[in-house]
Amino acid sequence: MNRAAALTATALAAAAAVLTIVPAQAAGSVHLTKIYYNSPGSDTRSNASLNAEYVVITNTTGAAVNLKGWVLVDASNHKYTFASFSLAKGKSVTIHTGHGTNTATNRYWGSGNYIWNNDKDKATLKRASGAVQDTCAYNNAKAAWVNC
């Protein structure tokens, strides 16, 4: 093999590697982006206080993602299961602990009790298949929220 052919082969291999990596990075993901675990004020279990406790999930893919059957769970195994719901590309949805009317940007767990511990906990987002999509943990009683 002459030197020109060897350089061409090397350049093609490098180009193929870049083409393989770039689409995977550009694909994005559906992931946890924030947990607001210590709602303001005293823990009165009022619906307003319960709804000030929430988790934000963001879709950074290039297409809408059907979250039907996906589950959000805490370390104590409290589960929120998505009913029929599509998260648009580049959008976020907030899962509030209390009750409310579901919209494209806000969903409601429907719990009368707090889900997220004020000192430490772990959120896990699972696909309908049960495969773990993302996790986010915190261990800080002095804060009220964590970016994932």
C-alpha atoms as a PDB file:
ATOM      1  CA  MET A   1       0.000   0.000   0.000  1.00  0.00           C
ATOM      2  CA  ASN A   2       1.448   3.362  -0.949  1.00  0.00           C
ATOM      3  CA  ARG A   3       1.539   6.357   1.339  1.00  0.00           C
ATOM      4  CA  ALA A   4      -1.375   8.158  -0.395  1.00  0.00           C
ATOM      5  CA  ALA A   5      -3.611   5.101  -0.048  1.00  0.00           C
ATOM      6  CA  ALA A   6      -2.667   4.716   3.621  1.00  0.00           C
ATOM      7  CA  LEU A   7      -3.487   8.386   4.324  1.00  0.00           C
ATOM      8  CA  THR A   8      -6.802   8.058   2.494  1.00  0.00           C
ATOM      9  CA  ALA A   9      -7.708   4.946   4.497  1.00  0.00           C
ATOM     10  CA  THR A  10      -6.803   6.708   7.755  1.00  0.00           C
ATOM     11  CA  ALA A  11      -8.849   9.796   6.823  1.00  0.00           C
ATOM     12  CA  LEU A  12     -11.881   7.644   5.913  1.00  0.00           C
ATOM     13  CA  ALA A  13     -11.649   5.735   9.194  1.00  0.00           C
ATOM     14  CA  ALA A  14     -11.472   8.998  11.160  1.00  0.00           C
ATOM     15  CA  ALA A  15     -14.448  10.420   9.251  1.00  0.00           C
ATOM     16  CA  ALA A  16     -16.471   7.245   9.914  1.00  0.00           C
ATOM     17  CA  ALA A  17     -15.702   7.507  13.636  1.00  0.00           C
ATOM     18  CA  VAL A  18     -16.925  11.121  13.729  1.00  0.00           C
ATOM     19  CA  LEU A  19     -20.089  10.253  11.818  1.00  0.00           C
ATOM     20  CA  THR A  20     -20.758   7.442  14.275  1.00  0.00           C
ATOM     21  CA  ILE A  21     -20.303   9.637  17.368  1.00  0.00           C
ATOM     22  CA  VAL A  22     -22.134  12.800  16.305  1.00  0.00           C
ATOM     23  CA  PRO A  23     -25.630  11.319  15.744  1.00  0.00           C
ATOM     24  CA  ALA A  24     -25.572   9.606  19.152  1.00  0.00           C
ATOM     25  CA  GLN A  25     -24.637  12.857  20.878  1.00  0.00           C
ATOM     26  CA  ALA A  26     -27.234  14.812  18.911  1.00  0.00           C
ATOM     27  CA  ALA A  27     -29.978  12.323  19.819  1.00  0.00           C
ATOM     28  CA  GLY A  28     -30.385  13.735  23.352  1.00  0.00           C
ATOM     29  CA  SER A  29     -32.416  12.003  26.029  1.00  0.00           C
ATOM     30  CA  VAL A  30     -35.348  12.227  28.365  1.00  0.00           C
ATOM     31  CA  HIS A  31     -33.928  13.016  31.785  1.00  0.00           C
ATOM     32  CA  LEU A  32     -34.583  14.408  35.249  1.00  0.00           C
ATOM     33  CA  THR A  33     -33.539  18.060  35.445  1.00  0.00           C
ATOM     34  CA  LYS A  34     -34.718  19.313  38.852  1.00  0.00           C
ATOM     35  CA  ILE A  35     -36.239  18.148  42.130  1.00  0.00           C
ATOM     36  CA  TYR A  36     -37.844  20.745  44.401  1.00  0.00           C
ATOM     37  CA  TYR A  37     -38.053  18.650  47.559  1.00  0.00           C
ATOM     38  CA  ASN A  38     -38.555  21.127  50.405  1.00  0.00           C
ATOM     39  CA  SER A  39     -41.552  23.277  49.590  1.00  0.00           C
ATOM     40  CA  PRO A  40     -41.663  26.708  51.251  1.00  0.00           C
ATOM     41  CA  GLY A  41     -43.382  27.169  54.614  1.00  0.00           C
ATOM     42  CA  SER A  42     -44.396  24.540  57.114  1.00  0.00           C
ATOM     43  CA  ASP A  43     -45.347  21.049  56.010  1.00  0.00           C
ATOM     44  CA  THR A  44     -49.103  21.578  56.268  1.00  0.00           C
ATOM     45  CA  ARG A  45     -50.095  19.106  53.544  1.00  0.00           C
ATOM     46  CA  SER A  46     -52.198  21.774  51.883  1.00  0.00           C
ATOM     47  CA  ASN A  47     -52.575  21.206  48.168  1.00  0.00           C
ATOM     48  CA  ALA A  48     -50.633  24.412  47.426  1.00  0.00           C
ATOM     49  CA  SER A  49     -47.748  23.244  49.619  1.00  0.00           C
ATOM     50  CA  LEU A  50     -47.838  19.729  48.146  1.00  0.00           C
ATOM     51  CA  ASN A  51     -47.749  21.145  44.613  1.00  0.00           C
ATOM     52  CA  ALA A  52     -44.713  23.281  45.477  1.00  0.00           C
ATOM     53  CA  GLU A  53     -42.870  19.942  45.736  1.00  0.00           C
ATOM     54  CA  TYR A  54     -42.100  18.661  42.229  1.00  0.00           C
ATOM     55  CA  VAL A  55     -39.792  16.976  39.733  1.00  0.00           C
ATOM     56  CA  VAL A  56     -38.975  18.330  36.271  1.00  0.00           C
ATOM     57  CA  ILE A  57     -38.385  15.946  33.352  1.00  0.00           C
ATOM     58  CA  THR A  58     -36.935  17.291  30.091  1.00  0.00           C
ATOM     59  CA  ASN A  59     -36.885  15.860  26.570  1.00  0.00           C
ATOM     60  CA  THR A  60     -33.704  16.908  24.738  1.00  0.00           C
ATOM     61  CA  THR A  61     -34.276  14.537  21.821  1.00  0.00           C
ATOM     62  CA  GLY A  62     -35.225  15.710  18.348  1.00  0.00           C
ATOM     63  CA  ALA A  63     -38.722  14.214  18.520  1.00  0.00           C
ATOM     64  CA  ALA A  64     -41.674  13.830  20.867  1.00  0.00           C
ATOM     65  CA  VAL A  65     -41.381  10.872  23.262  1.00  0.00           C
ATOM     66  CA  ASN A  66     -44.379   8.805  24.357  1.00  0.00           C
ATOM     67  CA  LEU A  67     -44.080   8.440  28.149  1.00  0.00           C
ATOM     68  CA  LYS A  68     -47.109   6.157  28.545  1.00  0.00           C
ATOM     69  CA  GLY A  69     -46.225   3.553  31.177  1.00  0.00           C
ATOM     70  CA  TRP A  70     -43.025   5.330  32.272  1.00  0.00           C
ATOM     71  CA  VAL A  71     -42.613   5.504  36.051  1.00  0.00           C
ATOM     72  CA  LEU A  72     -41.129   8.108  38.398  1.00  0.00           C
ATOM     73  CA  VAL A  73     -40.250   6.563  41.755  1.00  0.00           C
ATOM     74  CA  ASP A  74     -38.573   7.735  44.968  1.00  0.00           C
ATOM     75  CA  ALA A  75     -36.292   5.747  47.308  1.00  0.00           C
ATOM     76  CA  SER A  76     -39.333   4.630  49.364  1.00  0.00           C
ATOM     77  CA  ASN A  77     -40.981   3.229  46.213  1.00  0.00           C
ATOM     78  CA  HIS A  78     -43.752   5.846  45.860  1.00  0.00           C
ATOM     79  CA  LYS A  79     -44.663   5.593  42.166  1.00  0.00           C
ATOM     80  CA  TYR A  80     -46.079   7.992  39.626  1.00  0.00           C
ATOM     81  CA  THR A  81     -46.988   6.232  36.367  1.00  0.00           C
ATOM     82  CA  PHE A  82     -47.585   8.246  33.221  1.00  0.00           C
ATOM     83  CA  ALA A  83     -50.903   7.589  31.547  1.00  0.00           C
ATOM     84  CA  SER A  84     -51.175   8.497  27.880  1.00  0.00           C
ATOM     85  CA  PHE A  85     -48.716  11.387  27.563  1.00  0.00           C
ATOM     86  CA  SER A  86     -46.326  12.634  24.894  1.00  0.00           C
ATOM     87  CA  LEU A  87     -43.471  14.952  25.865  1.00  0.00           C
ATOM     88  CA  ALA A  88     -42.720  17.227  22.916  1.00  0.00           C
ATOM     89  CA  LYS A  89     -39.156  17.641  21.669  1.00  0.00           C
ATOM     90  CA  GLY A  90     -37.195  20.212  23.622  1.00  0.00           C
ATOM     91  CA  LYS A  91     -39.935  20.533  26.264  1.00  0.00           C
ATOM     92  CA  SER A  92     -40.185  19.844  29.983  1.00  0.00           C
ATOM     93  CA  VAL A  93     -42.981  18.539  32.179  1.00  0.00           C
ATOM     94  CA  THR A  94     -43.312  19.172  35.913  1.00  0.00           C
ATOM     95  CA  ILE A  95     -44.693  16.387  38.121  1.00  0.00           C
ATOM     96  CA  HIS A  96     -46.309  18.002  41.184  1.00  0.00           C
ATOM     97  CA  THR A  97     -46.941  15.929  44.323  1.00  0.00           C
ATOM     98  CA  GLY A  98     -50.513  17.132  45.015  1.00  0.00           C
ATOM     99  CA  HIS A  99     -53.727  17.360  43.010  1.00  0.00           C
ATOM    100  CA  GLY A 100     -54.499  19.444  39.937  1.00  0.00           C
ATOM    101  CA  THR A 101     -55.548  19.353  36.303  1.00  0.00           C
ATOM    102  CA  ASN A 102     -52.997  17.696  34.021  1.00  0.00           C
ATOM    103  CA  THR A 103     -51.672  19.779  31.122  1.00  0.00           C
ATOM    104  CA  ALA A 104     -48.869  19.449  28.560  1.00  0.00           C
ATOM    105  CA  THR A 105     -46.434  21.074  31.012  1.00  0.00           C
ATOM    106  CA  ASN A 106     -47.793  20.065  34.443  1.00  0.00           C
ATOM    107  CA  ARG A 107     -48.833  16.655  35.723  1.00  0.00           C
ATOM    108  CA  TYR A 108     -50.126  15.799  39.207  1.00  0.00           C
ATOM    109  CA  TRP A 109     -49.227  12.789  41.353  1.00  0.00           C
ATOM    110  CA  GLY A 110     -52.508  13.117  43.273  1.00  0.00           C
ATOM    111  CA  SER A 111     -50.923  12.435  46.648  1.00  0.00           C
ATOM    112  CA  GLY A 112     -52.190  13.871  49.925  1.00  0.00           C
ATOM    113  CA  ASN A 113     -48.742  13.335  51.441  1.00  0.00           C
ATOM    114  CA  TYR A 114     -45.273  14.591  50.626  1.00  0.00           C
ATOM    115  CA  ILE A 115     -43.218  12.266  48.432  1.00  0.00           C
ATOM    116  CA  TRP A 116     -39.728  13.776  48.466  1.00  0.00           C
ATOM    117  CA  ASN A 117     -37.870  13.741  51.784  1.00  0.00           C
ATOM    118  CA  ASN A 118     -36.531  17.099  52.990  1.00  0.00           C
ATOM    119  CA  ASP A 119     -33.041  15.760  53.741  1.00  0.00           C
ATOM    120  CA  LYS A 120     -32.181  13.055  51.206  1.00  0.00           C
ATOM    121  CA  ASP A 121     -33.889  10.959  48.558  1.00  0.00           C
ATOM    122  CA  LYS A 122     -33.391   9.539  45.085  1.00  0.00           C
ATOM    123  CA  ALA A 123     -35.619   9.945  42.035  1.00  0.00           C
ATOM    124  CA  THR A 124     -35.551   7.247  39.380  1.00  0.00           C
ATOM    125  CA  LEU A 125     -37.198   7.576  35.973  1.00  0.00           C
ATOM    126  CA  LYS A 126     -37.965   4.218  34.361  1.00  0.00           C
ATOM    127  CA  ARG A 127     -39.170   3.392  30.870  1.00  0.00           C
ATOM    128  CA  ALA A 128     -42.349   1.341  30.432  1.00  0.00           C
ATOM    129  CA  SER A 129     -40.083  -1.705  29.990  1.00  0.00           C
ATOM    130  CA  GLY A 130     -38.702  -1.156  33.507  1.00  0.00           C
ATOM    131  CA  ALA A 131     -35.289  -0.061  32.256  1.00  0.00           C
ATOM    132  CA  VAL A 132     -33.813   2.845  34.206  1.00  0.00           C
ATOM    133  CA  GLN A 133     -33.727   5.983  32.075  1.00  0.00           C
ATOM    134  CA  ASP A 134     -32.228   8.393  34.634  1.00  0.00           C
ATOM    135  CA  THR A 135     -31.644   8.952  38.347  1.00  0.00           C
ATOM    136  CA  CYS A 136     -31.082  12.008  40.527  1.00  0.00           C
ATOM    137  CA  ALA A 137     -30.219  11.922  44.222  1.00  0.00           C
ATOM    138  CA  TYR A 138     -29.716  14.578  46.869  1.00  0.00           C
ATOM    139  CA  ASN A 139     -28.427  14.661  50.433  1.00  0.00           C
ATOM    140  CA  ASN A 140     -28.799  18.219  51.740  1.00  0.00           C
ATOM    141  CA  ALA A 141     -31.336  19.233  54.400  1.00  0.00           C
ATOM    142  CA  LYS A 142     -30.283  22.897  54.135  1.00  0.00           C
ATOM    143  CA  ALA A 143     -31.352  23.278  50.504  1.00  0.00           C
ATOM    144  CA  ALA A 144     -34.828  23.189  48.969  1.00  0.00           C
ATOM    145  CA  TRP A 145     -34.037  21.888  45.467  1.00  0.00           C
ATOM    146  CA  VAL A 146     -31.385  20.207  43.357  1.00  0.00           C
ATOM    147  CA  ASN A 147     -30.549  20.455  39.665  1.00  0.00           C
ATOM    148  CA  CYS A 148     -29.944  17.028  38.220  1.00  0.00           C
END
